[in-house]
PDB file of N, CA and C in Angstrom:
ATOM      1  N   UNK A   1      -7.181 -35.149  -7.212  1.00  0.00           N
ATOM      2  CA  UNK A   1      -7.287 -34.161  -6.169  1.00  0.00           C
ATOM      3  C   UNK A   1      -8.231 -34.675  -5.092  1.00  0.00           C
ATOM      4  N   UNK A   2      -7.912 -34.397  -3.850  1.00  0.00           N
ATOM      5  CA  UNK A   2      -8.742 -34.863  -2.741  1.00  0.00           C
ATOM      6  C   UNK A   2     -10.032 -34.057  -2.665  1.00  0.00           C
ATOM      7  N   UNK A   3     -11.073 -34.704  -2.199  1.00  0.00           N
ATOM      8  CA  UNK A   3     -12.321 -33.981  -1.997  1.00  0.00           C
ATOM      9  C   UNK A   3     -12.251 -33.255  -0.661  1.00  0.00           C
ATOM     10  N   UNK A   4     -12.862 -32.107  -0.600  1.00  0.00           N
ATOM     11  CA  UNK A   4     -12.846 -31.263   0.583  1.00  0.00           C
ATOM     12  C   UNK A   4     -14.127 -31.504   1.373  1.00  0.00           C
ATOM     13  N   UNK A   5     -13.995 -31.567   2.686  1.00  0.00           N
ATOM     14  CA  UNK A   5     -15.182 -31.796   3.504  1.00  0.00           C
ATOM     15  C   UNK A   5     -16.154 -30.629   3.377  1.00  0.00           C
ATOM     16  N   UNK A   6     -17.401 -30.885   3.683  1.00  0.00           N
ATOM     17  CA  UNK A   6     -18.437 -29.865   3.543  1.00  0.00           C
ATOM     18  C   UNK A   6     -18.216 -28.696   4.502  1.00  0.00           C
ATOM     19  N   UNK A   7     -17.667 -28.972   5.697  1.00  0.00           N
ATOM     20  CA  UNK A   7     -17.419 -27.894   6.655  1.00  0.00           C
ATOM     21  C   UNK A   7     -16.365 -26.931   6.133  1.00  0.00           C
ATOM     22  N   UNK A   8     -15.308 -27.489   5.573  1.00  0.00           N
ATOM     23  CA  UNK A   8     -14.241 -26.637   5.042  1.00  0.00           C
ATOM     24  C   UNK A   8     -14.736 -25.861   3.834  1.00  0.00           C
ATOM     25  N   UNK A   9     -15.499 -26.508   2.993  1.00  0.00           N
ATOM     26  CA  UNK A   9     -16.050 -25.831   1.823  1.00  0.00           C
ATOM     27  C   UNK A   9     -16.964 -24.689   2.241  1.00  0.00           C
ATOM     28  N   UNK A  10     -17.808 -24.907   3.253  1.00  0.00           N
ATOM     29  CA  UNK A  10     -18.703 -23.854   3.731  1.00  0.00           C
ATOM     30  C   UNK A  10     -17.906 -22.707   4.347  1.00  0.00           C
ATOM     31  N   UNK A  11     -16.819 -23.022   5.053  1.00  0.00           N
ATOM     32  CA  UNK A  11     -15.969 -21.997   5.666  1.00  0.00           C
ATOM     33  C   UNK A  11     -15.356 -21.099   4.588  1.00  0.00           C
ATOM     34  N   UNK A  12     -14.769 -21.714   3.565  1.00  0.00           N
ATOM     35  CA  UNK A  12     -14.153 -20.923   2.497  1.00  0.00           C
ATOM     36  C   UNK A  12     -15.200 -20.159   1.686  1.00  0.00           C
ATOM     37  N   UNK A  13     -16.359 -20.711   1.557  1.00  0.00           N
ATOM     38  CA  UNK A  13     -17.436 -20.027   0.862  1.00  0.00           C
ATOM     39  C   UNK A  13     -17.846 -18.765   1.618  1.00  0.00           C
ATOM     40  N   UNK A  14     -17.941 -18.887   2.954  1.00  0.00           N
ATOM     41  CA  UNK A  14     -18.295 -17.722   3.769  1.00  0.00           C
ATOM     42  C   UNK A  14     -17.211 -16.654   3.694  1.00  0.00           C
ATOM     43  N   UNK A  15     -15.950 -17.075   3.681  1.00  0.00           N
ATOM     44  CA  UNK A  15     -14.859 -16.104   3.545  1.00  0.00           C
ATOM     45  C   UNK A  15     -14.923 -15.383   2.214  1.00  0.00           C
ATOM     46  N   UNK A  16     -15.233 -16.111   1.162  1.00  0.00           N
ATOM     47  CA  UNK A  16     -15.332 -15.509  -0.166  1.00  0.00           C
ATOM     48  C   UNK A  16     -16.435 -14.483  -0.258  1.00  0.00           C
ATOM     49  N   UNK A  17     -17.544 -14.757   0.397  1.00  0.00           N
ATOM     50  CA  UNK A  17     -18.647 -13.797   0.379  1.00  0.00           C
ATOM     51  C   UNK A  17     -18.282 -12.514   1.117  1.00  0.00           C
ATOM     52  N   UNK A  18     -17.492 -12.614   2.175  1.00  0.00           N
ATOM     53  CA  UNK A  18     -17.113 -11.428   2.952  1.00  0.00           C
ATOM     54  C   UNK A  18     -16.054 -10.591   2.240  1.00  0.00           C
ATOM     55  N   UNK A  19     -15.371 -11.179   1.266  1.00  0.00           N
ATOM     56  CA  UNK A  19     -14.273 -10.483   0.602  1.00  0.00           C
ATOM     57  C   UNK A  19     -14.676  -9.192  -0.072  1.00  0.00           C
ATOM     58  N   UNK A  20     -15.867  -9.117  -0.610  1.00  0.00           N
ATOM     59  CA  UNK A  20     -16.284  -7.929  -1.336  1.00  0.00           C
ATOM     60  C   UNK A  20     -17.066  -6.936  -0.507  1.00  0.00           C
ATOM     61  N   UNK A  21     -17.290  -7.224   0.767  1.00  0.00           N
ATOM     62  CA  UNK A  21     -18.075  -6.319   1.593  1.00  0.00           C
ATOM     63  C   UNK A  21     -17.203  -5.201   2.160  1.00  0.00           C
ATOM     64  N   UNK A  22     -17.834  -4.136   2.515  1.00  0.00           N
ATOM     65  CA  UNK A  22     -17.136  -2.986   3.071  1.00  0.00           C
ATOM     66  C   UNK A  22     -16.675  -3.290   4.496  1.00  0.00           C
ATOM     67  N   UNK A  23     -15.517  -2.767   4.847  1.00  0.00           N
ATOM     68  CA  UNK A  23     -14.984  -2.983   6.186  1.00  0.00           C
ATOM     69  C   UNK A  23     -15.877  -2.324   7.227  1.00  0.00           C
ATOM     70  N   UNK A  24     -15.987  -2.962   8.373  1.00  0.00           N
ATOM     71  CA  UNK A  24     -16.796  -2.406   9.456  1.00  0.00           C
ATOM     72  C   UNK A  24     -15.992  -1.500  10.371  1.00  0.00           C
ATOM     73  N   UNK A  25     -14.709  -1.457  10.157  1.00  0.00           N
ATOM     74  CA  UNK A  25     -13.866  -0.639  11.019  1.00  0.00           C
ATOM     75  C   UNK A  25     -14.084   0.829  10.684  1.00  0.00           C
ATOM     76  N   UNK A  26     -14.360   1.591  11.697  1.00  0.00           N
ATOM     77  CA  UNK A  26     -14.531   3.031  11.476  1.00  0.00           C
ATOM     78  C   UNK A  26     -13.287   3.744  11.985  1.00  0.00           C
ATOM     79  N   UNK A  27     -12.705   4.517  11.128  1.00  0.00           N
ATOM     80  CA  UNK A  27     -11.476   5.224  11.448  1.00  0.00           C
ATOM     81  C   UNK A  27     -11.665   6.674  11.056  1.00  0.00           C
ATOM     82  N   UNK A  28     -11.466   7.548  11.996  1.00  0.00           N
ATOM     83  CA  UNK A  28     -11.640   8.966  11.706  1.00  0.00           C
ATOM     84  C   UNK A  28     -10.499   9.447  10.805  1.00  0.00           C
ATOM     85  N   UNK A  29     -10.725  10.507  10.069  1.00  0.00           N
ATOM     86  CA  UNK A  29      -9.654  11.034   9.213  1.00  0.00           C
ATOM     87  C   UNK A  29      -8.409  11.441  10.003  1.00  0.00           C
ATOM     88  N   UNK A  30      -8.601  11.963  11.212  1.00  0.00           N
ATOM     89  CA  UNK A  30      -7.457  12.361  12.038  1.00  0.00           C
ATOM     90  C   UNK A  30      -6.631  11.143  12.444  1.00  0.00           C
ATOM     91  N   UNK A  31      -7.308  10.076  12.827  1.00  0.00           N
ATOM     92  CA  UNK A  31      -6.606   8.854  13.218  1.00  0.00           C
ATOM     93  C   UNK A  31      -5.865   8.250  12.031  1.00  0.00           C
ATOM     94  N   UNK A  32      -6.470   8.316  10.861  1.00  0.00           N
ATOM     95  CA  UNK A  32      -5.808   7.797   9.662  1.00  0.00           C
ATOM     96  C   UNK A  32      -4.553   8.605   9.340  1.00  0.00           C
ATOM     97  N   UNK A  33      -4.642   9.929   9.460  1.00  0.00           N
ATOM     98  CA  UNK A  33      -3.473  10.771   9.213  1.00  0.00           C
ATOM     99  C   UNK A  33      -2.379  10.496  10.235  1.00  0.00           C
ATOM    100  N   UNK A  34      -2.770  10.304  11.486  1.00  0.00           N
ATOM    101  CA  UNK A  34      -1.782   9.994  12.523  1.00  0.00           C
ATOM    102  C   UNK A  34      -1.093   8.662  12.255  1.00  0.00           C
ATOM    103  N   UNK A  35      -1.841   7.685  11.772  1.00  0.00           N
ATOM    104  CA  UNK A  35      -1.234   6.389  11.441  1.00  0.00           C
ATOM    105  C   UNK A  35      -0.186   6.540  10.338  1.00  0.00           C
ATOM    106  N   UNK A  36      -0.498   7.345   9.344  1.00  0.00           N
ATOM    107  CA  UNK A  36       0.449   7.581   8.256  1.00  0.00           C
ATOM    108  C   UNK A  36       1.670   8.322   8.771  1.00  0.00           C
ATOM    109  N   UNK A  37       1.465   9.318   9.628  1.00  0.00           N
ATOM    110  CA  UNK A  37       2.593  10.070  10.188  1.00  0.00           C
ATOM    111  C   UNK A  37       3.506   9.174  11.010  1.00  0.00           C
ATOM    112  N   UNK A  38       2.934   8.287  11.799  1.00  0.00           N
ATOM    113  CA  UNK A  38       3.751   7.384  12.618  1.00  0.00           C
ATOM    114  C   UNK A  38       4.520   6.420  11.723  1.00  0.00           C
ATOM    115  N   UNK A  39       3.871   5.896  10.682  1.00  0.00           N
ATOM    116  CA  UNK A  39       4.561   4.992   9.758  1.00  0.00           C
ATOM    117  C   UNK A  39       5.741   5.697   9.080  1.00  0.00           C
ATOM    118  N   UNK A  40       5.533   6.921   8.632  1.00  0.00           N
ATOM    119  CA  UNK A  40       6.617   7.686   8.009  1.00  0.00           C
ATOM    120  C   UNK A  40       7.709   8.019   9.018  1.00  0.00           C
ATOM    121  N   UNK A  41       7.310   8.361  10.245  1.00  0.00           N
ATOM    122  CA  UNK A  41       8.295   8.692  11.280  1.00  0.00           C
ATOM    123  C   UNK A  41       9.163   7.482  11.607  1.00  0.00           C
ATOM    124  N   UNK A  42       8.572   6.298  11.658  1.00  0.00           N
ATOM    125  CA  UNK A  42       9.361   5.083  11.906  1.00  0.00           C
ATOM    126  C   UNK A  42      10.345   4.828  10.787  1.00  0.00           C
ATOM    127  N   UNK A  43       9.901   5.023   9.548  1.00  0.00           N
ATOM    128  CA  UNK A  43      10.793   4.829   8.403  1.00  0.00           C
ATOM    129  C   UNK A  43      11.942   5.837   8.435  1.00  0.00           C
ATOM    130  N   UNK A  44      11.635   7.085   8.718  1.00  0.00           N
ATOM    131  CA  UNK A  44      12.657   8.132   8.783  1.00  0.00           C
ATOM    132  C   UNK A  44      13.621   7.870   9.931  1.00  0.00           C
ATOM    133  N   UNK A  45      13.101   7.433  11.066  1.00  0.00           N
ATOM    134  CA  UNK A  45      13.957   7.153  12.223  1.00  0.00           C
ATOM    135  C   UNK A  45      14.974   6.060  11.888  1.00  0.00           C
ATOM    136  N   UNK A  46      14.519   4.996  11.230  1.00  0.00           N
ATOM    137  CA  UNK A  46      15.451   3.920  10.863  1.00  0.00           C
ATOM    138  C   UNK A  46      16.486   4.406   9.844  1.00  0.00           C
ATOM    139  N   UNK A  47      16.034   5.189   8.888  1.00  0.00           N
ATOM    140  CA  UNK A  47      16.935   5.613   7.803  1.00  0.00           C
ATOM    141  C   UNK A  47      17.971   6.638   8.280  1.00  0.00           C
ATOM    142  N   UNK A  48      17.576   7.558   9.139  1.00  0.00           N
ATOM    143  CA  UNK A  48      18.451   8.663   9.528  1.00  0.00           C
ATOM    144  C   UNK A  48      18.945   8.571  10.969  1.00  0.00           C
ATOM    145  N   UNK A  49      18.864   7.402  11.580  1.00  0.00           N
ATOM    146  CA  UNK A  49      19.233   7.299  12.991  1.00  0.00           C
ATOM    147  C   UNK A  49      20.671   7.723  13.244  1.00  0.00           C
ATOM    148  N   UNK A  50      21.609   7.211  12.477  1.00  0.00           N
ATOM    149  CA  UNK A  50      23.025   7.510  12.713  1.00  0.00           C
ATOM    150  C   UNK A  50      23.343   8.981  12.466  1.00  0.00           C
ATOM    151  N   UNK A  51      22.628   9.605  11.554  1.00  0.00           N
ATOM    152  CA  UNK A  51      22.939  10.977  11.177  1.00  0.00           C
ATOM    153  C   UNK A  51      22.209  12.010  12.053  1.00  0.00           C
ATOM    154  N   UNK A  52      20.922  11.771  12.325  1.00  0.00           N
ATOM    155  CA  UNK A  52      20.113  12.782  13.003  1.00  0.00           C
ATOM    156  C   UNK A  52      19.695  12.413  14.422  1.00  0.00           C
ATOM    157  N   UNK A  53      19.583  11.131  14.704  1.00  0.00           N
ATOM    158  CA  UNK A  53      19.028  10.705  15.987  1.00  0.00           C
ATOM    159  C   UNK A  53      20.018   9.868  16.774  1.00  0.00           C
ATOM    160  N   UNK A  54      21.283  10.184  16.683  1.00  0.00           N
ATOM    161  CA  UNK A  54      22.335   9.427  17.342  1.00  0.00           C
ATOM    162  C   UNK A  54      22.188   9.451  18.855  1.00  0.00           C
ATOM    163  N   UNK A  55      21.500  10.434  19.403  1.00  0.00           N
ATOM    164  CA  UNK A  55      21.334  10.573  20.846  1.00  0.00           C
ATOM    165  C   UNK A  55      20.144   9.765  21.370  1.00  0.00           C
ATOM    166  N   UNK A  56      19.388   9.114  20.483  1.00  0.00           N
ATOM    167  CA  UNK A  56      18.231   8.318  20.882  1.00  0.00           C
ATOM    168  C   UNK A  56      18.557   6.833  20.769  1.00  0.00           C
ATOM    169  N   UNK A  57      17.871   6.025  21.539  1.00  0.00           N
ATOM    170  CA  UNK A  57      18.068   4.580  21.483  1.00  0.00           C
ATOM    171  C   UNK A  57      17.730   4.063  20.084  1.00  0.00           C
ATOM    172  N   UNK A  58      18.552   3.198  19.512  1.00  0.00           N
ATOM    173  CA  UNK A  58      18.254   2.690  18.163  1.00  0.00           C
ATOM    174  C   UNK A  58      17.052   1.752  18.120  1.00  0.00           C
ATOM    175  N   UNK A  59      16.657   1.174  19.261  1.00  0.00           N
ATOM    176  CA  UNK A  59      15.512   0.263  19.281  1.00  0.00           C
ATOM    177  C   UNK A  59      14.232   0.961  19.756  1.00  0.00           C
ATOM    178  N   UNK A  60      14.193   2.272  19.652  1.00  0.00           N
ATOM    179  CA  UNK A  60      13.036   3.035  20.090  1.00  0.00           C
ATOM    180  C   UNK A  60      11.808   2.662  19.260  1.00  0.00           C
ATOM    181  N   UNK A  61      10.691   2.417  19.942  1.00  0.00           N
ATOM    182  CA  UNK A  61       9.428   2.167  19.259  1.00  0.00           C
ATOM    183  C   UNK A  61       8.738   3.520  19.074  1.00  0.00           C
ATOM    184  N   UNK A  62       8.830   4.056  17.875  1.00  0.00           N
ATOM    185  CA  UNK A  62       8.330   5.403  17.587  1.00  0.00           C
ATOM    186  C   UNK A  62       6.806   5.399  17.611  1.00  0.00           C
ATOM    187  N   UNK A  63       6.219   6.367  18.311  1.00  0.00           N
ATOM    188  CA  UNK A  63       4.775   6.551  18.311  1.00  0.00           C
ATOM    189  C   UNK A  63       4.470   8.032  18.108  1.00  0.00           C
ATOM    190  N   UNK A  64       3.212   8.382  18.196  1.00  0.00           N
ATOM    191  CA  UNK A  64       2.781   9.749  17.873  1.00  0.00           C
ATOM    192  C   UNK A  64       3.400  10.792  18.804  1.00  0.00           C
ATOM    193  N   UNK A  65       3.688  10.409  20.041  1.00  0.00           N
ATOM    194  CA  UNK A  65       4.279  11.367  20.983  1.00  0.00           C
ATOM    195  C   UNK A  65       5.739  11.677  20.658  1.00  0.00           C
ATOM    196  N   UNK A  66       6.406  10.822  19.891  1.00  0.00           N
ATOM    197  CA  UNK A  66       7.813  11.013  19.557  1.00  0.00           C
ATOM    198  C   UNK A  66       8.035  11.882  18.323  1.00  0.00           C
ATOM    199  N   UNK A  67       6.998  12.176  17.582  1.00  0.00           N
ATOM    200  CA  UNK A  67       7.163  12.917  16.329  1.00  0.00           C
ATOM    201  C   UNK A  67       7.750  14.311  16.549  1.00  0.00           C
ATOM    202  N   UNK A  68       7.326  15.095  17.551  1.00  0.00           N
ATOM    203  CA  UNK A  68       7.969  16.410  17.739  1.00  0.00           C
ATOM    204  C   UNK A  68       9.482  16.310  17.988  1.00  0.00           C
ATOM    205  N   UNK A  69       9.923  15.294  18.719  1.00  0.00           N
ATOM    206  CA  UNK A  69      11.359  15.118  18.958  1.00  0.00           C
ATOM    207  C   UNK A  69      12.082  14.712  17.667  1.00  0.00           C
ATOM    208  N   UNK A  70      11.434  13.911  16.839  1.00  0.00           N
ATOM    209  CA  UNK A  70      12.043  13.536  15.560  1.00  0.00           C
ATOM    210  C   UNK A  70      12.146  14.749  14.637  1.00  0.00           C
ATOM    211  N   UNK A  71      11.130  15.576  14.654  1.00  0.00           N
ATOM    212  CA  UNK A  71      11.167  16.797  13.838  1.00  0.00           C
ATOM    213  C   UNK A  71      12.302  17.698  14.306  1.00  0.00           C
ATOM    214  N   UNK A  72      12.459  17.839  15.616  1.00  0.00           N
ATOM    215  CA  UNK A  72      13.554  18.665  16.147  1.00  0.00           C
ATOM    216  C   UNK A  72      14.907  18.102  15.737  1.00  0.00           C
ATOM    217  N   UNK A  73      15.074  16.782  15.829  1.00  0.00           N
ATOM    218  CA  UNK A  73      16.340  16.162  15.432  1.00  0.00           C
ATOM    219  C   UNK A  73      16.639  16.335  13.953  1.00  0.00           C
ATOM    220  N   UNK A  74      15.599  16.216  13.131  1.00  0.00           N
ATOM    221  CA  UNK A  74      15.800  16.415  11.686  1.00  0.00           C
ATOM    222  C   UNK A  74      16.196  17.857  11.380  1.00  0.00           C
ATOM    223  N   UNK A  75      15.522  18.790  12.010  1.00  0.00           N
ATOM    224  CA  UNK A  75      15.836  20.201  11.749  1.00  0.00           C
ATOM    225  C   UNK A  75      17.216  20.578  12.266  1.00  0.00           C
ATOM    226  N   UNK A  76      17.616  20.017  13.382  1.00  0.00           N
ATOM    227  CA  UNK A  76      18.887  20.379  13.993  1.00  0.00           C
ATOM    228  C   UNK A  76      20.069  19.675  13.327  1.00  0.00           C
ATOM    229  N   UNK A  77      19.922  18.402  12.996  1.00  0.00           N
ATOM    230  CA  UNK A  77      21.060  17.620  12.518  1.00  0.00           C
ATOM    231  C   UNK A  77      20.935  17.125  11.081  1.00  0.00           C
ATOM    232  N   UNK A  78      19.806  17.381  10.423  1.00  0.00           N
ATOM    233  CA  UNK A  78      19.569  16.790   9.111  1.00  0.00           C
ATOM    234  C   UNK A  78      19.944  17.654   7.926  1.00  0.00           C
ATOM    235  N   UNK A  79      20.367  18.880   8.170  1.00  0.00           N
ATOM    236  CA  UNK A  79      20.711  19.756   7.062  1.00  0.00           C
ATOM    237  C   UNK A  79      19.477  20.165   6.265  1.00  0.00           C
ATOM    238  N   UNK A  80      19.695  20.519   5.025  1.00  0.00           N
ATOM    239  CA  UNK A  80      18.613  20.992   4.164  1.00  0.00           C
ATOM    240  C   UNK A  80      17.581  19.902   3.915  1.00  0.00           C
ATOM    241  N   UNK A  81      18.061  18.693   3.603  1.00  0.00           N
ATOM    242  CA  UNK A  81      17.158  17.578   3.335  1.00  0.00           C
ATOM    243  C   UNK A  81      16.331  17.234   4.577  1.00  0.00           C
ATOM    244  N   UNK A  82      16.959  17.238   5.729  1.00  0.00           N
ATOM    245  CA  UNK A  82      16.247  16.961   6.971  1.00  0.00           C
ATOM    246  C   UNK A  82      15.186  17.998   7.269  1.00  0.00           C
ATOM    247  N   UNK A  83      15.455  19.241   6.916  1.00  0.00           N
ATOM    248  CA  UNK A  83      14.478  20.298   7.139  1.00  0.00           C
ATOM    249  C   UNK A  83      13.221  20.060   6.318  1.00  0.00           C
ATOM    250  N   UNK A  84      13.384  19.630   5.059  1.00  0.00           N
ATOM    251  CA  UNK A  84      12.236  19.361   4.197  1.00  0.00           C
ATOM    252  C   UNK A  84      11.471  18.118   4.654  1.00  0.00           C
ATOM    253  N   UNK A  85      12.177  17.122   5.123  1.00  0.00           N
ATOM    254  CA  UNK A  85      11.519  15.909   5.638  1.00  0.00           C
ATOM    255  C   UNK A  85      10.728  16.251   6.896  1.00  0.00           C
ATOM    256  N   UNK A  86      11.303  17.090   7.742  1.00  0.00           N
ATOM    257  CA  UNK A  86      10.613  17.508   8.968  1.00  0.00           C
ATOM    258  C   UNK A  86       9.330  18.270   8.635  1.00  0.00           C
ATOM    259  N   UNK A  87       9.359  19.051   7.570  1.00  0.00           N
ATOM    260  CA  UNK A  87       8.163  19.789   7.172  1.00  0.00           C
ATOM    261  C   UNK A  87       7.046  18.835   6.767  1.00  0.00           C
ATOM    262  N   UNK A  88       7.396  17.720   6.122  1.00  0.00           N
ATOM    263  CA  UNK A  88       6.381  16.729   5.756  1.00  0.00           C
ATOM    264  C   UNK A  88       5.764  16.084   6.991  1.00  0.00           C
ATOM    265  N   UNK A  89       6.581  15.840   8.011  1.00  0.00           N
ATOM    266  CA  UNK A  89       6.050  15.225   9.232  1.00  0.00           C
ATOM    267  C   UNK A  89       5.149  16.170  10.011  1.00  0.00           C
ATOM    268  N   UNK A  90       5.349  17.464   9.846  1.00  0.00           N
ATOM    269  CA  UNK A  90       4.549  18.441  10.595  1.00  0.00           C
ATOM    270  C   UNK A  90       3.166  18.643  10.015  1.00  0.00           C
ATOM    271  N   UNK A  91       2.939  18.234   8.808  1.00  0.00           N
ATOM    272  CA  UNK A  91       1.627  18.444   8.175  1.00  0.00           C
ATOM    273  C   UNK A  91       0.540  17.680   8.832  1.00  0.00           C
TER     274      UNK A  91
END
């Protein structure tokens, strides 16, 4: 096995030490919930596009402002299952 230079060894050593430390990123609970809602909305949009969101562009980049329109589409065109999915997005 090749020997590793001291600079590379020190770099990986520093990375290893940072691995167990707490993240410095501060995220409010509201922002975290919004991130989860957007992730779920994107998944739902891809899965139900042909059935519920046929009137929207298929390459739409879903963000937090689009969630009310997705909820409306699910309630209007999604049937019983769409209504329950829309309720999850509204929480």
